[in-house]
Amino acid sequence: MNLLSINLWAINTEFMMIAMIIAVAMSVMLKNLPILGIQGILATAFYFSFPSLTLLTILQFIFSAFIFYRLTRALEYNYHLILEKTHQEERYYTRGGSSGRRKTFL
């Protein structure tokens, strides 16, 4: 057996599990249950369908990138909201007496 041989299936599953864990954590931070449900459906599909692992890996990567984008937008929103509330920036989100709170950041 060659010591340099790589088991691509094992790398693919490890990558998927790491991506799933990170995506679940980010969706919890975004406070959005539908996204968490979609992540659960992807995890279940990954567990039960071995022939389409490549497709599921691509879908998981795209989904994780989308969640990461929305999380960075939420962080940017929070940063500007703090600047507004400390009067370091012109009022935009808190215009008209709004507190700037959001139920979800998706």
PDB file of N, CA and C in Angstrom:
ATOM      1  N   MET A   1       0.842  -1.174   0.000  1.00  0.00           N
ATOM      2  CA  MET A   1       0.000   0.000   0.000  1.00  0.00           C
ATOM      3  C   MET A   1       0.894   1.247   0.000  1.00  0.00           C
ATOM      4  N   ASN A   2       0.543   2.193  -0.790  1.00  0.00           N
ATOM      5  CA  ASN A   2       1.295   3.424  -0.927  1.00  0.00           C
ATOM      6  C   ASN A   2       0.977   4.354   0.245  1.00  0.00           C
ATOM      7  N   LEU A   3       2.006   4.869   0.895  1.00  0.00           N
ATOM      8  CA  LEU A   3       1.790   5.763   2.033  1.00  0.00           C
ATOM      9  C   LEU A   3       1.236   7.113   1.615  1.00  0.00           C
ATOM     10  N   LEU A   4       1.419   7.481   0.349  1.00  0.00           N
ATOM     11  CA  LEU A   4       0.950   8.769  -0.124  1.00  0.00           C
ATOM     12  C   LEU A   4      -0.449   8.720  -0.738  1.00  0.00           C
ATOM     13  N   SER A   5      -1.071   7.547  -0.709  1.00  0.00           N
ATOM     14  CA  SER A   5      -2.419   7.456  -1.280  1.00  0.00           C
ATOM     15  C   SER A   5      -3.397   8.220  -0.385  1.00  0.00           C
ATOM     16  N   ILE A   6      -4.341   8.872  -1.032  1.00  0.00           N
ATOM     17  CA  ILE A   6      -5.296   9.719  -0.312  1.00  0.00           C
ATOM     18  C   ILE A   6      -6.682   9.124  -0.489  1.00  0.00           C
ATOM     19  N   ASN A   7      -7.378   9.007   0.597  1.00  0.00           N
ATOM     20  CA  ASN A   7      -8.750   8.540   0.544  1.00  0.00           C
ATOM     21  C   ASN A   7      -9.644   9.765   0.342  1.00  0.00           C
ATOM     22  N   LEU A   8     -10.062   9.994  -0.907  1.00  0.00           N
ATOM     23  CA  LEU A   8     -10.841  11.187  -1.225  1.00  0.00           C
ATOM     24  C   LEU A   8     -12.200  11.182  -0.543  1.00  0.00           C
ATOM     25  N   TRP A   9     -12.794  10.027  -0.354  1.00  0.00           N
ATOM     26  CA  TRP A   9     -14.094   9.968   0.291  1.00  0.00           C
ATOM     27  C   TRP A   9     -13.998  10.452   1.735  1.00  0.00           C
ATOM     28  N   ALA A  10     -12.922  10.050   2.431  1.00  0.00           N
ATOM     29  CA  ALA A  10     -12.757  10.475   3.821  1.00  0.00           C
ATOM     30  C   ALA A  10     -12.532  11.979   3.907  1.00  0.00           C
ATOM     31  N   ILE A  11     -11.760  12.541   2.981  1.00  0.00           N
ATOM     32  CA  ILE A  11     -11.537  13.987   2.981  1.00  0.00           C
ATOM     33  C   ILE A  11     -12.840  14.723   2.684  1.00  0.00           C
ATOM     34  N   ASN A  12     -13.617  14.203   1.751  1.00  0.00           N
ATOM     35  CA  ASN A  12     -14.885  14.812   1.390  1.00  0.00           C
ATOM     36  C   ASN A  12     -15.847  14.823   2.584  1.00  0.00           C
ATOM     37  N   THR A  13     -15.932  13.710   3.305  1.00  0.00           N
ATOM     38  CA  THR A  13     -16.852  13.666   4.450  1.00  0.00           C
ATOM     39  C   THR A  13     -16.362  14.556   5.578  1.00  0.00           C
ATOM     40  N   GLU A  14     -15.062  14.598   5.815  1.00  0.00           N
ATOM     41  CA  GLU A  14     -14.543  15.486   6.856  1.00  0.00           C
ATOM     42  C   GLU A  14     -14.814  16.949   6.506  1.00  0.00           C
ATOM     43  N   PHE A  15     -14.601  17.312   5.254  1.00  0.00           N
ATOM     44  CA  PHE A  15     -14.873  18.675   4.808  1.00  0.00           C
ATOM     45  C   PHE A  15     -16.349  19.010   4.987  1.00  0.00           C
ATOM     46  N   MET A  16     -17.219  18.075   4.615  1.00  0.00           N
ATOM     47  CA  MET A  16     -18.658  18.310   4.748  1.00  0.00           C
ATOM     48  C   MET A  16     -19.062  18.492   6.206  1.00  0.00           C
ATOM     49  N   MET A  17     -18.541  17.663   7.078  1.00  0.00           N
ATOM     50  CA  MET A  17     -18.903  17.770   8.494  1.00  0.00           C
ATOM     51  C   MET A  17     -18.445  19.111   9.081  1.00  0.00           C
ATOM     52  N   ILE A  18     -17.248  19.534   8.736  1.00  0.00           N
ATOM     53  CA  ILE A  18     -16.752  20.820   9.220  1.00  0.00           C
ATOM     54  C   ILE A  18     -17.600  21.954   8.673  1.00  0.00           C
ATOM     55  N   ALA A  19     -17.923  21.895   7.379  1.00  0.00           N
ATOM     56  CA  ALA A  19     -18.765  22.932   6.766  1.00  0.00           C
ATOM     57  C   ALA A  19     -20.151  22.945   7.394  1.00  0.00           C
ATOM     58  N   MET A  20     -20.710  21.779   7.703  1.00  0.00           N
ATOM     59  CA  MET A  20     -22.026  21.717   8.339  1.00  0.00           C
ATOM     60  C   MET A  20     -22.007  22.331   9.730  1.00  0.00           C
ATOM     61  N   ILE A  21     -21.001  22.013  10.503  1.00  0.00           N
ATOM     62  CA  ILE A  21     -20.910  22.549  11.864  1.00  0.00           C
ATOM     63  C   ILE A  21     -20.778  24.066  11.833  1.00  0.00           C
ATOM     64  N   ILE A  22     -19.939  24.574  10.940  1.00  0.00           N
ATOM     65  CA  ILE A  22     -19.760  26.023  10.834  1.00  0.00           C
ATOM     66  C   ILE A  22     -21.041  26.692  10.351  1.00  0.00           C
ATOM     67  N   ALA A  23     -21.720  26.093   9.370  1.00  0.00           N
ATOM     68  CA  ALA A  23     -22.969  26.673   8.853  1.00  0.00           C
ATOM     69  C   ALA A  23     -24.062  26.668   9.915  1.00  0.00           C
ATOM     70  N   VAL A  24     -24.140  25.625  10.722  1.00  0.00           N
ATOM     71  CA  VAL A  24     -25.133  25.587  11.803  1.00  0.00           C
ATOM     72  C   VAL A  24     -24.836  26.684  12.818  1.00  0.00           C
ATOM     73  N   ALA A  25     -23.579  26.852  13.171  1.00  0.00           N
ATOM     74  CA  ALA A  25     -23.219  27.896  14.132  1.00  0.00           C
ATOM     75  C   ALA A  25     -23.553  29.284  13.593  1.00  0.00           C
ATOM     76  N   MET A  26     -23.266  29.516  12.310  1.00  0.00           N
ATOM     77  CA  MET A  26     -23.574  30.821  11.727  1.00  0.00           C
ATOM     78  C   MET A  26     -25.076  31.047  11.612  1.00  0.00           C
ATOM     79  N   SER A  27     -25.845  30.007  11.303  1.00  0.00           N
ATOM     80  CA  SER A  27     -27.295  30.186  11.203  1.00  0.00           C
ATOM     81  C   SER A  27     -27.916  30.425  12.571  1.00  0.00           C
ATOM     82  N   VAL A  28     -27.340  29.876  13.625  1.00  0.00           N
ATOM     83  CA  VAL A  28     -27.818  30.170  14.979  1.00  0.00           C
ATOM     84  C   VAL A  28     -27.516  31.630  15.320  1.00  0.00           C
ATOM     85  N   MET A  29     -26.344  32.122  14.917  1.00  0.00           N
ATOM     86  CA  MET A  29     -26.012  33.528  15.158  1.00  0.00           C
ATOM     87  C   MET A  29     -26.933  34.469  14.390  1.00  0.00           C
ATOM     88  N   LEU A  30     -27.402  34.033  13.209  1.00  0.00           N
ATOM     89  CA  LEU A  30     -28.318  34.851  12.421  1.00  0.00           C
ATOM     90  C   LEU A  30     -29.753  34.796  12.951  1.00  0.00           C
ATOM     91  N   LYS A  31     -30.025  33.905  13.891  1.00  0.00           N
ATOM     92  CA  LYS A  31     -31.348  33.736  14.500  1.00  0.00           C
ATOM     93  C   LYS A  31     -32.410  33.442  13.452  1.00  0.00           C
ATOM     94  N   ASN A  32     -32.170  32.435  12.616  1.00  0.00           N
ATOM     95  CA  ASN A  32     -33.105  32.120  11.559  1.00  0.00           C
ATOM     96  C   ASN A  32     -33.374  30.619  11.534  1.00  0.00           C
ATOM     97  N   LEU A  33     -34.598  30.217  11.905  1.00  0.00           N
ATOM     98  CA  LEU A  33     -34.943  28.804  11.944  1.00  0.00           C
ATOM     99  C   LEU A  33     -35.078  28.158  10.565  1.00  0.00           C
ATOM    100  N   PRO A  34     -35.621  28.833   9.529  1.00  0.00           N
ATOM    101  CA  PRO A  34     -35.678  28.172   8.213  1.00  0.00           C
ATOM    102  C   PRO A  34     -34.298  27.784   7.669  1.00  0.00           C
ATOM    103  N   ILE A  35     -33.324  28.631   7.890  1.00  0.00           N
ATOM    104  CA  ILE A  35     -31.963  28.305   7.437  1.00  0.00           C
ATOM    105  C   ILE A  35     -31.428  27.103   8.209  1.00  0.00           C
ATOM    106  N   LEU A  36     -31.722  27.046   9.500  1.00  0.00           N
ATOM    107  CA  LEU A  36     -31.306  25.898  10.300  1.00  0.00           C
ATOM    108  C   LEU A  36     -31.996  24.630   9.807  1.00  0.00           C
ATOM    109  N   GLY A  37     -33.261  24.741   9.383  1.00  0.00           N
ATOM    110  CA  GLY A  37     -33.982  23.594   8.832  1.00  0.00           C
ATOM    111  C   GLY A  37     -33.385  23.125   7.520  1.00  0.00           C
ATOM    112  N   ILE A  38     -33.019  24.065   6.661  1.00  0.00           N
ATOM    113  CA  ILE A  38     -32.382  23.698   5.385  1.00  0.00           C
ATOM    114  C   ILE A  38     -31.056  22.994   5.654  1.00  0.00           C
ATOM    115  N   GLN A  39     -30.336  23.478   6.653  1.00  0.00           N
ATOM    116  CA  GLN A  39     -29.075  22.839   7.014  1.00  0.00           C
ATOM    117  C   GLN A  39     -29.317  21.416   7.507  1.00  0.00           C
ATOM    118  N   GLY A  40     -30.386  21.208   8.253  1.00  0.00           N
ATOM    119  CA  GLY A  40     -30.740  19.863   8.716  1.00  0.00           C
ATOM    120  C   GLY A  40     -31.098  18.947   7.566  1.00  0.00           C
ATOM    121  N   ILE A  41     -31.817  19.482   6.564  1.00  0.00           N
ATOM    122  CA  ILE A  41     -32.159  18.685   5.380  1.00  0.00           C
ATOM    123  C   ILE A  41     -30.894  18.309   4.615  1.00  0.00           C
ATOM    124  N   LEU A  42     -29.967  19.249   4.480  1.00  0.00           N
ATOM    125  CA  LEU A  42     -28.699  18.931   3.801  1.00  0.00           C
ATOM    126  C   LEU A  42     -27.912  17.870   4.564  1.00  0.00           C
ATOM    127  N   ALA A  43     -27.904  17.962   5.890  1.00  0.00           N
ATOM    128  CA  ALA A  43     -27.178  16.972   6.700  1.00  0.00           C
ATOM    129  C   ALA A  43     -27.806  15.592   6.554  1.00  0.00           C
ATOM    130  N   THR A  44     -29.138  15.538   6.555  1.00  0.00           N
ATOM    131  CA  THR A  44     -29.826  14.263   6.380  1.00  0.00           C
ATOM    132  C   THR A  44     -29.578  13.693   4.995  1.00  0.00           C
ATOM    133  N   ALA A  45     -29.632  14.522   3.975  1.00  0.00           N
ATOM    134  CA  ALA A  45     -29.368  14.066   2.608  1.00  0.00           C
ATOM    135  C   ALA A  45     -27.932  13.563   2.480  1.00  0.00           C
ATOM    136  N   PHE A  46     -27.014  14.239   3.136  1.00  0.00           N
ATOM    137  CA  PHE A  46     -25.611  13.813   3.092  1.00  0.00           C
ATOM    138  C   PHE A  46     -25.447  12.450   3.753  1.00  0.00           C
ATOM    139  N   TYR A  47     -26.164  12.235   4.838  1.00  0.00           N
ATOM    140  CA  TYR A  47     -26.039  10.985   5.580  1.00  0.00           C
ATOM    141  C   TYR A  47     -26.613   9.805   4.804  1.00  0.00           C
ATOM    142  N   PHE A  48     -27.693  10.028   4.071  1.00  0.00           N
ATOM    143  CA  PHE A  48     -28.383   8.923   3.417  1.00  0.00           C
ATOM    144  C   PHE A  48     -28.055   8.729   1.938  1.00  0.00           C
ATOM    145  N   SER A  49     -27.350   9.638   1.295  1.00  0.00           N
ATOM    146  CA  SER A  49     -27.104   9.465  -0.140  1.00  0.00           C
ATOM    147  C   SER A  49     -25.612   9.507  -0.437  1.00  0.00           C
ATOM    148  N   PHE A  50     -25.044   8.349  -0.640  1.00  0.00           N
ATOM    149  CA  PHE A  50     -23.624   8.275  -0.940  1.00  0.00           C
ATOM    150  C   PHE A  50     -23.281   8.559  -2.399  1.00  0.00           C
ATOM    151  N   PRO A  51     -24.121   8.236  -3.396  1.00  0.00           N
ATOM    152  CA  PRO A  51     -23.720   8.476  -4.792  1.00  0.00           C
ATOM    153  C   PRO A  51     -23.560   9.951  -5.143  1.00  0.00           C
ATOM    154  N   SER A  52     -24.316  10.827  -4.509  1.00  0.00           N
ATOM    155  CA  SER A  52     -24.278  12.239  -4.902  1.00  0.00           C
ATOM    156  C   SER A  52     -23.518  13.097  -3.897  1.00  0.00           C
ATOM    157  N   LEU A  53     -22.448  12.567  -3.338  1.00  0.00           N
ATOM    158  CA  LEU A  53     -21.695  13.323  -2.344  1.00  0.00           C
ATOM    159  C   LEU A  53     -21.052  14.572  -2.931  1.00  0.00           C
ATOM    160  N   THR A  54     -20.610  14.504  -4.160  1.00  0.00           N
ATOM    161  CA  THR A  54     -19.987  15.669  -4.777  1.00  0.00           C
ATOM    162  C   THR A  54     -20.998  16.793  -4.937  1.00  0.00           C
ATOM    163  N   LEU A  55     -22.190  16.468  -5.395  1.00  0.00           N
ATOM    164  CA  LEU A  55     -23.241  17.471  -5.533  1.00  0.00           C
ATOM    165  C   LEU A  55     -23.614  18.074  -4.184  1.00  0.00           C
ATOM    166  N   LEU A  56     -23.736  17.228  -3.171  1.00  0.00           N
ATOM    167  CA  LEU A  56     -24.063  17.735  -1.835  1.00  0.00           C
ATOM    168  C   LEU A  56     -22.940  18.601  -1.270  1.00  0.00           C
ATOM    169  N   THR A  57     -21.696  18.248  -1.575  1.00  0.00           N
ATOM    170  CA  THR A  57     -20.571  19.063  -1.120  1.00  0.00           C
ATOM    171  C   THR A  57     -20.621  20.437  -1.766  1.00  0.00           C
ATOM    172  N   ILE A  58     -20.936  20.500  -3.051  1.00  0.00           N
ATOM    173  CA  ILE A  58     -21.038  21.784  -3.744  1.00  0.00           C
ATOM    174  C   ILE A  58     -22.196  22.601  -3.181  1.00  0.00           C
ATOM    175  N   LEU A  59     -23.350  21.949  -2.968  1.00  0.00           N
ATOM    176  CA  LEU A  59     -24.497  22.647  -2.375  1.00  0.00           C
ATOM    177  C   LEU A  59     -24.175  23.174  -0.984  1.00  0.00           C
ATOM    178  N   GLN A  60     -23.483  22.359  -0.179  1.00  0.00           N
ATOM    179  CA  GLN A  60     -23.117  22.788   1.168  1.00  0.00           C
ATOM    180  C   GLN A  60     -22.165  23.973   1.115  1.00  0.00           C
ATOM    181  N   PHE A  61     -21.225  23.953   0.191  1.00  0.00           N
ATOM    182  CA  PHE A  61     -20.280  25.059   0.058  1.00  0.00           C
ATOM    183  C   PHE A  61     -21.004  26.348  -0.334  1.00  0.00           C
ATOM    184  N   ILE A  62     -21.927  26.254  -1.302  1.00  0.00           N
ATOM    185  CA  ILE A  62     -22.687  27.441  -1.728  1.00  0.00           C
ATOM    186  C   ILE A  62     -23.555  27.957  -0.587  1.00  0.00           C
ATOM    187  N   PHE A  63     -24.209  27.048   0.114  1.00  0.00           N
ATOM    188  CA  PHE A  63     -25.067  27.427   1.231  1.00  0.00           C
ATOM    189  C   PHE A  63     -24.255  28.076   2.351  1.00  0.00           C
ATOM    190  N   SER A  64     -23.092  27.517   2.657  1.00  0.00           N
ATOM    191  CA  SER A  64     -22.228  28.093   3.695  1.00  0.00           C
ATOM    192  C   SER A  64     -21.718  29.472   3.287  1.00  0.00           C
ATOM    193  N   ALA A  65     -21.396  29.643   2.011  1.00  0.00           N
ATOM    194  CA  ALA A  65     -20.946  30.957   1.528  1.00  0.00           C
ATOM    195  C   ALA A  65     -22.060  31.987   1.646  1.00  0.00           C
ATOM    196  N   PHE A  66     -23.302  31.594   1.335  1.00  0.00           N
ATOM    197  CA  PHE A  66     -24.447  32.493   1.475  1.00  0.00           C
ATOM    198  C   PHE A  66     -24.656  32.891   2.932  1.00  0.00           C
ATOM    199  N   ILE A  67     -24.578  31.926   3.831  1.00  0.00           N
ATOM    200  CA  ILE A  67     -24.743  32.229   5.254  1.00  0.00           C
ATOM    201  C   ILE A  67     -23.618  33.139   5.740  1.00  0.00           C
ATOM    202  N   PHE A  68     -22.387  32.885   5.290  1.00  0.00           N
ATOM    203  CA  PHE A  68     -21.264  33.728   5.677  1.00  0.00           C
ATOM    204  C   PHE A  68     -21.458  35.157   5.189  1.00  0.00           C
ATOM    205  N   TYR A  69     -21.964  35.309   3.958  1.00  0.00           N
ATOM    206  CA  TYR A  69     -22.244  36.651   3.425  1.00  0.00           C
ATOM    207  C   TYR A  69     -23.284  37.369   4.274  1.00  0.00           C
ATOM    208  N   ARG A  70     -24.365  36.680   4.610  1.00  0.00           N
ATOM    209  CA  ARG A  70     -25.413  37.306   5.424  1.00  0.00           C
ATOM    210  C   ARG A  70     -24.893  37.638   6.826  1.00  0.00           C
ATOM    211  N   LEU A  71     -24.015  36.801   7.362  1.00  0.00           N
ATOM    212  CA  LEU A  71     -23.445  37.078   8.680  1.00  0.00           C
ATOM    213  C   LEU A  71     -22.553  38.308   8.641  1.00  0.00           C
ATOM    214  N   THR A  72     -21.765  38.464   7.587  1.00  0.00           N
ATOM    215  CA  THR A  72     -20.929  39.664   7.487  1.00  0.00           C
ATOM    216  C   THR A  72     -21.789  40.914   7.323  1.00  0.00           C
ATOM    217  N   ARG A  73     -22.910  40.805   6.592  1.00  0.00           N
ATOM    218  CA  ARG A  73     -23.833  41.938   6.470  1.00  0.00           C
ATOM    219  C   ARG A  73     -24.452  42.278   7.825  1.00  0.00           C
ATOM    220  N   ALA A  74     -24.777  41.269   8.628  1.00  0.00           N
ATOM    221  CA  ALA A  74     -25.337  41.511   9.960  1.00  0.00           C
ATOM    222  C   ALA A  74     -24.305  42.178  10.863  1.00  0.00           C
ATOM    223  N   LEU A  75     -23.057  41.759  10.762  1.00  0.00           N
ATOM    224  CA  LEU A  75     -22.003  42.388  11.564  1.00  0.00           C
ATOM    225  C   LEU A  75     -21.792  43.841  11.152  1.00  0.00           C
ATOM    226  N   GLU A  76     -21.839  44.090   9.847  1.00  0.00           N
ATOM    227  CA  GLU A  76     -21.703  45.462   9.362  1.00  0.00           C
ATOM    228  C   GLU A  76     -22.872  46.327   9.838  1.00  0.00           C
ATOM    229  N   TYR A  77     -24.088  45.774   9.799  1.00  0.00           N
ATOM    230  CA  TYR A  77     -25.270  46.483  10.285  1.00  0.00           C
ATOM    231  C   TYR A  77     -25.105  46.831  11.764  1.00  0.00           C
ATOM    232  N   ASN A  78     -24.665  45.867  12.549  1.00  0.00           N
ATOM    233  CA  ASN A  78     -24.484  46.098  13.982  1.00  0.00           C
ATOM    234  C   ASN A  78     -23.418  47.160  14.240  1.00  0.00           C
ATOM    235  N   TYR A  79     -22.337  47.121  13.477  1.00  0.00           N
ATOM    236  CA  TYR A  79     -21.269  48.101  13.642  1.00  0.00           C
ATOM    237  C   TYR A  79     -21.786  49.520  13.366  1.00  0.00           C
ATOM    238  N   HIS A  80     -22.523  49.690  12.267  1.00  0.00           N
ATOM    239  CA  HIS A  80     -23.052  51.020  11.936  1.00  0.00           C
ATOM    240  C   HIS A  80     -24.130  51.458  12.920  1.00  0.00           C
ATOM    241  N   LEU A  81     -24.886  50.509  13.437  1.00  0.00           N
ATOM    242  CA  LEU A  81     -25.898  50.834  14.441  1.00  0.00           C
ATOM    243  C   LEU A  81     -25.244  51.349  15.720  1.00  0.00           C
ATOM    244  N   ILE A  82     -24.157  50.740  16.123  1.00  0.00           N
ATOM    245  CA  ILE A  82     -23.433  51.209  17.304  1.00  0.00           C
ATOM    246  C   ILE A  82     -22.865  52.599  17.062  1.00  0.00           C
ATOM    247  N   LEU A  83     -22.325  52.828  15.859  1.00  0.00           N
ATOM    248  CA  LEU A  83     -21.803  54.157  15.544  1.00  0.00           C
ATOM    249  C   LEU A  83     -22.912  55.210  15.566  1.00  0.00           C
ATOM    250  N   GLU A  84     -24.103  54.848  15.101  1.00  0.00           N
ATOM    251  CA  GLU A  84     -25.229  55.791  15.133  1.00  0.00           C
ATOM    252  C   GLU A  84     -25.655  56.100  16.561  1.00  0.00           C
ATOM    253  N   LYS A  85     -25.727  55.084  17.371  1.00  0.00           N
ATOM    254  CA  LYS A  85     -26.214  55.282  18.736  1.00  0.00           C
ATOM    255  C   LYS A  85     -25.212  56.024  19.612  1.00  0.00           C
ATOM    256  N   THR A  86     -23.953  56.012  19.218  1.00  0.00           N
ATOM    257  CA  THR A  86     -22.955  56.780  19.975  1.00  0.00           C
ATOM    258  C   THR A  86     -22.659  58.117  19.303  1.00  0.00           C
ATOM    259  N   HIS A  87     -23.506  58.484  18.335  1.00  0.00           N
ATOM    260  CA  HIS A  87     -23.441  59.775  17.630  1.00  0.00           C
ATOM    261  C   HIS A  87     -22.124  60.007  16.899  1.00  0.00           C
ATOM    262  N   GLN A  88     -21.522  58.933  16.415  1.00  0.00           N
ATOM    263  CA  GLN A  88     -20.307  59.056  15.624  1.00  0.00           C
ATOM    264  C   GLN A  88     -20.610  58.993  14.126  1.00  0.00           C
ATOM    265  N   GLU A  89     -21.848  58.707  13.791  1.00  0.00           N
ATOM    266  CA  GLU A  89     -22.261  58.596  12.403  1.00  0.00           C
ATOM    267  C   GLU A  89     -23.667  59.186  12.267  1.00  0.00           C
ATOM    268  N   GLU A  90     -23.972  59.697  11.086  1.00  0.00           N
ATOM    269  CA  GLU A  90     -25.301  60.245  10.801  1.00  0.00           C
ATOM    270  C   GLU A  90     -26.357  59.155  10.962  1.00  0.00           C
ATOM    271  N   ARG A  91     -27.550  59.518  11.434  1.00  0.00           N
ATOM    272  CA  ARG A  91     -28.622  58.541  11.642  1.00  0.00           C
ATOM    273  C   ARG A  91     -29.141  58.021  10.299  1.00  0.00           C
ATOM    274  N   TYR A  92     -29.129  56.709  10.154  1.00  0.00           N
ATOM    275  CA  TYR A  92     -29.683  56.078   8.962  1.00  0.00           C
ATOM    276  C   TYR A  92     -30.641  54.950   9.371  1.00  0.00           C
ATOM    277  N   TYR A  93     -30.169  54.031  10.204  1.00  0.00           N
ATOM    278  CA  TYR A  93     -30.993  52.909  10.634  1.00  0.00           C
ATOM    279  C   TYR A  93     -31.970  53.297  11.737  1.00  0.00           C
ATOM    280  N   THR A  94     -31.642  54.309  12.508  1.00  0.00           N
ATOM    281  CA  THR A  94     -32.490  54.703  13.631  1.00  0.00           C
ATOM    282  C   THR A  94     -33.297  55.955  13.321  1.00  0.00           C
ATOM    283  N   ARG A  95     -33.475  56.261  12.066  1.00  0.00           N
ATOM    284  CA  ARG A  95     -34.252  57.412  11.642  1.00  0.00           C
ATOM    285  C   ARG A  95     -35.721  57.228  12.024  1.00  0.00           C
ATOM    286  N   GLY A  96     -36.383  58.291  12.408  1.00  0.00           N
ATOM    287  CA  GLY A  96     -37.815  58.245  12.692  1.00  0.00           C
ATOM    288  C   GLY A  96     -38.164  57.554  13.999  1.00  0.00           C
ATOM    289  N   GLY A  97     -37.259  57.521  14.925  1.00  0.00           N
ATOM    290  CA  GLY A  97     -37.532  56.928  16.229  1.00  0.00           C
ATOM    291  C   GLY A  97     -37.364  55.429  16.291  1.00  0.00           C
ATOM    292  N   SER A  98     -36.899  54.815  15.232  1.00  0.00           N
ATOM    293  CA  SER A  98     -36.682  53.368  15.232  1.00  0.00           C
ATOM    294  C   SER A  98     -35.472  53.035  16.097  1.00  0.00           C
ATOM    295  N   SER A  99     -35.549  51.910  16.810  1.00  0.00           N
ATOM    296  CA  SER A  99     -34.426  51.517  17.666  1.00  0.00           C
ATOM    297  C   SER A  99     -33.358  50.774  16.883  1.00  0.00           C
ATOM    298  N   GLY A 100     -33.686  50.337  15.668  1.00  0.00           N
ATOM    299  CA  GLY A 100     -32.705  49.624  14.860  1.00  0.00           C
ATOM    300  C   GLY A 100     -32.667  48.140  15.122  1.00  0.00           C
ATOM    301  N   ARG A 101     -33.596  47.629  15.943  1.00  0.00           N
ATOM    302  CA  ARG A 101     -33.604  46.205  16.249  1.00  0.00           C
ATOM    303  C   ARG A 101     -34.162  45.415  15.075  1.00  0.00           C
ATOM    304  N   ARG A 102     -33.686  44.169  14.952  1.00  0.00           N
ATOM    305  CA  ARG A 102     -34.182  43.249  13.940  1.00  0.00           C
ATOM    306  C   ARG A 102     -34.451  41.896  14.569  1.00  0.00           C
ATOM    307  N   LYS A 103     -35.502  41.247  14.089  1.00  0.00           N
ATOM    308  CA  LYS A 103     -35.813  39.913  14.605  1.00  0.00           C
ATOM    309  C   LYS A 103     -34.867  38.880  14.014  1.00  0.00           C
ATOM    310  N   THR A 104     -34.570  39.029  12.722  1.00  0.00           N
ATOM    311  CA  THR A 104     -33.662  38.110  12.046  1.00  0.00           C
ATOM    312  C   THR A 104     -32.766  38.924  11.098  1.00  0.00           C
ATOM    313  N   PHE A 105     -31.618  38.388  10.790  1.00  0.00           N
ATOM    314  CA  PHE A 105     -30.679  39.105   9.935  1.00  0.00           C
ATOM    315  C   PHE A 105     -30.583  38.481   8.556  1.00  0.00           C
ATOM    316  N   LEU A 106     -31.549  37.671   8.184  1.00  0.00           N
ATOM    317  CA  LEU A 106     -31.522  37.079   6.848  1.00  0.00           C
ATOM    318  C   LEU A 106     -32.298  37.969   5.931  1.00  0.00           C
TER     319      LEU A 106
END
